[in-house]
Amino acid sequence: MAESSPDRVGIVEYGRLAAIDFAVNHDATAHMWGVEQAERYSDFLQQSADFIALNPNVGKKVVGHPTAEALLVRWPKARYGHYIVYRRMPSGIHIMRILHSAMDIGSHLPED
């Protein structure tokens, strides 16, 4: 991943649905792979969000949602991953959703 400018703020703000997505993902991972792995994956998602906040250009525009961008993040060697869907803010990003890579992003976002 590219380095960010040290003078950028990079605040990560979670929307209501993103917070629910984060918790549901943690619970599902804990059920399938154990609590320790769920904690590691949650940390991975948080670190990915922090990276995006400092480097908001890494995402791609979401079709049909002019202010939404998404970045697919995958645990090393994982077949699937999660899209972190966000909007840019002057101080960082607002995460709208955290969606499994098999999900259709556009159908899970509120209309702009």
C-alpha atoms as a PDB file:
ATOM      1  CA  MET A   1       0.000   0.000   0.000  1.00  0.00           C
ATOM      2  CA  ALA A   2       1.169   3.515  -0.755  1.00  0.00           C
ATOM      3  CA  GLU A   3       2.391   5.828   1.967  1.00  0.00           C
ATOM      4  CA  SER A   4       0.249   8.736   3.009  1.00  0.00           C
ATOM      5  CA  SER A   5       1.144  12.315   3.707  1.00  0.00           C
ATOM      6  CA  PRO A   6       1.937  12.816   7.429  1.00  0.00           C
ATOM      7  CA  ASP A   7      -0.042  16.064   7.571  1.00  0.00           C
ATOM      8  CA  ARG A   8      -3.370  14.481   6.566  1.00  0.00           C
ATOM      9  CA  VAL A   9      -5.912  13.781   9.280  1.00  0.00           C
ATOM     10  CA  GLY A  10      -7.613  10.593   8.045  1.00  0.00           C
ATOM     11  CA  ILE A  11     -10.604  10.360  10.366  1.00  0.00           C
ATOM     12  CA  VAL A  12     -12.786   7.260   9.948  1.00  0.00           C
ATOM     13  CA  GLU A  13     -16.471   7.735  10.721  1.00  0.00           C
ATOM     14  CA  TYR A  14     -18.827   4.732  10.671  1.00  0.00           C
ATOM     15  CA  GLY A  15     -22.419   5.144   9.596  1.00  0.00           C
ATOM     16  CA  ARG A  16     -25.188   3.192  11.346  1.00  0.00           C
ATOM     17  CA  LEU A  17     -25.344   0.446   8.711  1.00  0.00           C
ATOM     18  CA  ALA A  18     -21.549   0.141   8.555  1.00  0.00           C
ATOM     19  CA  ALA A  19     -21.391  -0.295  12.340  1.00  0.00           C
ATOM     20  CA  ILE A  20     -23.993  -3.067  12.084  1.00  0.00           C
ATOM     21  CA  ASP A  21     -22.067  -4.662   9.191  1.00  0.00           C
ATOM     22  CA  PHE A  22     -18.868  -4.587  11.267  1.00  0.00           C
ATOM     23  CA  ALA A  23     -20.549  -6.285  14.239  1.00  0.00           C
ATOM     24  CA  VAL A  24     -22.327  -8.899  12.109  1.00  0.00           C
ATOM     25  CA  ASN A  25     -19.078  -9.710  10.311  1.00  0.00           C
ATOM     26  CA  HIS A  26     -17.282 -10.119  13.648  1.00  0.00           C
ATOM     27  CA  ASP A  27     -19.985 -12.457  14.962  1.00  0.00           C
ATOM     28  CA  ALA A  28     -20.076 -14.548  11.777  1.00  0.00           C
ATOM     29  CA  THR A  29     -16.281 -14.858  11.726  1.00  0.00           C
ATOM     30  CA  ALA A  30     -16.233 -15.837  15.413  1.00  0.00           C
ATOM     31  CA  HIS A  31     -18.879 -18.485  14.766  1.00  0.00           C
ATOM     32  CA  MET A  32     -17.006 -19.938  11.790  1.00  0.00           C
ATOM     33  CA  TRP A  33     -13.334 -19.455  12.709  1.00  0.00           C
ATOM     34  CA  GLY A  34     -13.223 -18.562  16.416  1.00  0.00           C
ATOM     35  CA  VAL A  35     -13.073 -15.383  18.471  1.00  0.00           C
ATOM     36  CA  GLU A  36      -9.319 -14.850  18.023  1.00  0.00           C
ATOM     37  CA  GLN A  37      -9.639 -14.892  14.221  1.00  0.00           C
ATOM     38  CA  ALA A  38     -12.668 -12.601  14.428  1.00  0.00           C
ATOM     39  CA  GLU A  39     -10.576 -10.114  16.419  1.00  0.00           C
ATOM     40  CA  ARG A  40      -7.724 -10.327  13.896  1.00  0.00           C
ATOM     41  CA  TYR A  41     -10.096  -9.822  10.951  1.00  0.00           C
ATOM     42  CA  SER A  42     -11.835  -6.901  12.668  1.00  0.00           C
ATOM     43  CA  ASP A  43      -8.425  -5.309  13.238  1.00  0.00           C
ATOM     44  CA  PHE A  44      -7.622  -5.905   9.552  1.00  0.00           C
ATOM     45  CA  LEU A  45     -10.845  -4.163   8.496  1.00  0.00           C
ATOM     46  CA  GLN A  46     -10.112  -1.227  10.817  1.00  0.00           C
ATOM     47  CA  GLN A  47      -6.558  -0.901   9.489  1.00  0.00           C
ATOM     48  CA  SER A  48      -7.925  -1.003   5.942  1.00  0.00           C
ATOM     49  CA  ALA A  49     -10.395   1.773   6.788  1.00  0.00           C
ATOM     50  CA  ASP A  50      -7.595   3.845   8.324  1.00  0.00           C
ATOM     51  CA  PHE A  51      -5.545   3.389   5.148  1.00  0.00           C
ATOM     52  CA  ILE A  52      -8.478   4.492   2.974  1.00  0.00           C
ATOM     53  CA  ALA A  53      -9.028   7.566   5.157  1.00  0.00           C
ATOM     54  CA  LEU A  54      -5.452   8.635   4.491  1.00  0.00           C
ATOM     55  CA  ASN A  55      -5.587   7.595   0.811  1.00  0.00           C
ATOM     56  CA  PRO A  56      -9.181   8.130  -0.379  1.00  0.00           C
ATOM     57  CA  ASN A  57      -8.212   7.835  -4.048  1.00  0.00           C
ATOM     58  CA  VAL A  58      -7.666   4.058  -3.738  1.00  0.00           C
ATOM     59  CA  GLY A  59     -11.368   3.250  -4.138  1.00  0.00           C
ATOM     60  CA  LYS A  60     -13.472   3.031  -7.263  1.00  0.00           C
ATOM     61  CA  LYS A  61     -16.699   4.915  -7.889  1.00  0.00           C
ATOM     62  CA  VAL A  62     -19.867   2.945  -7.222  1.00  0.00           C
ATOM     63  CA  VAL A  63     -22.119   2.896 -10.299  1.00  0.00           C
ATOM     64  CA  GLY A  64     -25.382   4.723  -9.666  1.00  0.00           C
ATOM     65  CA  HIS A  65     -24.096   6.388  -6.489  1.00  0.00           C
ATOM     66  CA  PRO A  66     -22.059   9.458  -7.469  1.00  0.00           C
ATOM     67  CA  THR A  67     -20.633  10.145  -3.998  1.00  0.00           C
ATOM     68  CA  ALA A  68     -19.874   6.537  -3.029  1.00  0.00           C
ATOM     69  CA  GLU A  69     -16.552   4.782  -3.536  1.00  0.00           C
ATOM     70  CA  ALA A  70     -15.522   1.240  -2.623  1.00  0.00           C
ATOM     71  CA  LEU A  71     -12.344  -0.705  -2.066  1.00  0.00           C
ATOM     72  CA  LEU A  72     -12.210  -4.502  -1.945  1.00  0.00           C
ATOM     73  CA  VAL A  73      -9.984  -5.730   0.887  1.00  0.00           C
ATOM     74  CA  ARG A  74      -9.023  -9.388   1.311  1.00  0.00           C
ATOM     75  CA  TRP A  75      -7.352 -11.272   4.118  1.00  0.00           C
ATOM     76  CA  PRO A  76      -4.125 -12.799   2.726  1.00  0.00           C
ATOM     77  CA  LYS A  77      -4.857 -15.919   0.647  1.00  0.00           C
ATOM     78  CA  ALA A  78      -8.628 -15.503   1.110  1.00  0.00           C
ATOM     79  CA  ARG A  79     -10.917 -16.260  -1.801  1.00  0.00           C
ATOM     80  CA  TYR A  80     -13.449 -13.588  -0.835  1.00  0.00           C
ATOM     81  CA  GLY A  81     -13.197 -10.267   0.931  1.00  0.00           C
ATOM     82  CA  HIS A  82     -15.211  -7.229   1.888  1.00  0.00           C
ATOM     83  CA  TYR A  83     -15.957  -3.981   0.132  1.00  0.00           C
ATOM     84  CA  ILE A  84     -15.480  -0.959   2.322  1.00  0.00           C
ATOM     85  CA  VAL A  85     -17.951   1.509   0.853  1.00  0.00           C
ATOM     86  CA  TYR A  86     -17.339   5.135   1.775  1.00  0.00           C
ATOM     87  CA  ARG A  87     -17.850   8.797   1.056  1.00  0.00           C
ATOM     88  CA  ARG A  88     -15.055  11.304   1.290  1.00  0.00           C
ATOM     89  CA  MET A  89     -15.128  13.996   3.946  1.00  0.00           C
ATOM     90  CA  PRO A  90     -12.706  16.917   4.282  1.00  0.00           C
ATOM     91  CA  SER A  91     -11.075  15.235   7.302  1.00  0.00           C
ATOM     92  CA  GLY A  92     -11.250  11.591   6.177  1.00  0.00           C
ATOM     93  CA  ILE A  93     -14.032   9.187   5.214  1.00  0.00           C
ATOM     94  CA  HIS A  94     -17.558   8.214   6.218  1.00  0.00           C
ATOM     95  CA  ILE A  95     -18.002   4.449   5.871  1.00  0.00           C
ATOM     96  CA  MET A  96     -21.464   3.665   4.578  1.00  0.00           C
ATOM     97  CA  ARG A  97     -21.297  -0.153   4.426  1.00  0.00           C
ATOM     98  CA  ILE A  98     -18.926  -3.100   4.796  1.00  0.00           C
ATOM     99  CA  LEU A  99     -20.208  -5.691   2.325  1.00  0.00           C
ATOM    100  CA  HIS A 100     -19.092  -9.196   1.443  1.00  0.00           C
ATOM    101  CA  SER A 101     -17.531  -9.323  -2.013  1.00  0.00           C
ATOM    102  CA  ALA A 102     -20.332 -11.573  -3.298  1.00  0.00           C
ATOM    103  CA  MET A 103     -22.917  -8.858  -2.576  1.00  0.00           C
ATOM    104  CA  ASP A 104     -24.128  -6.275  -5.087  1.00  0.00           C
ATOM    105  CA  ILE A 105     -22.949  -2.966  -3.664  1.00  0.00           C
ATOM    106  CA  GLY A 106     -25.480  -0.729  -5.393  1.00  0.00           C
ATOM    107  CA  SER A 107     -28.511  -2.597  -4.086  1.00  0.00           C
ATOM    108  CA  HIS A 108     -27.298  -2.225  -0.488  1.00  0.00           C
ATOM    109  CA  LEU A 109     -26.821   1.539  -0.484  1.00  0.00           C
ATOM    110  CA  PRO A 110     -29.370   4.241   0.196  1.00  0.00           C
ATOM    111  CA  GLU A 111     -30.219   6.407  -2.777  1.00  0.00           C
ATOM    112  CA  ASP A 112     -28.181   9.605  -3.141  1.00  0.00           C
END
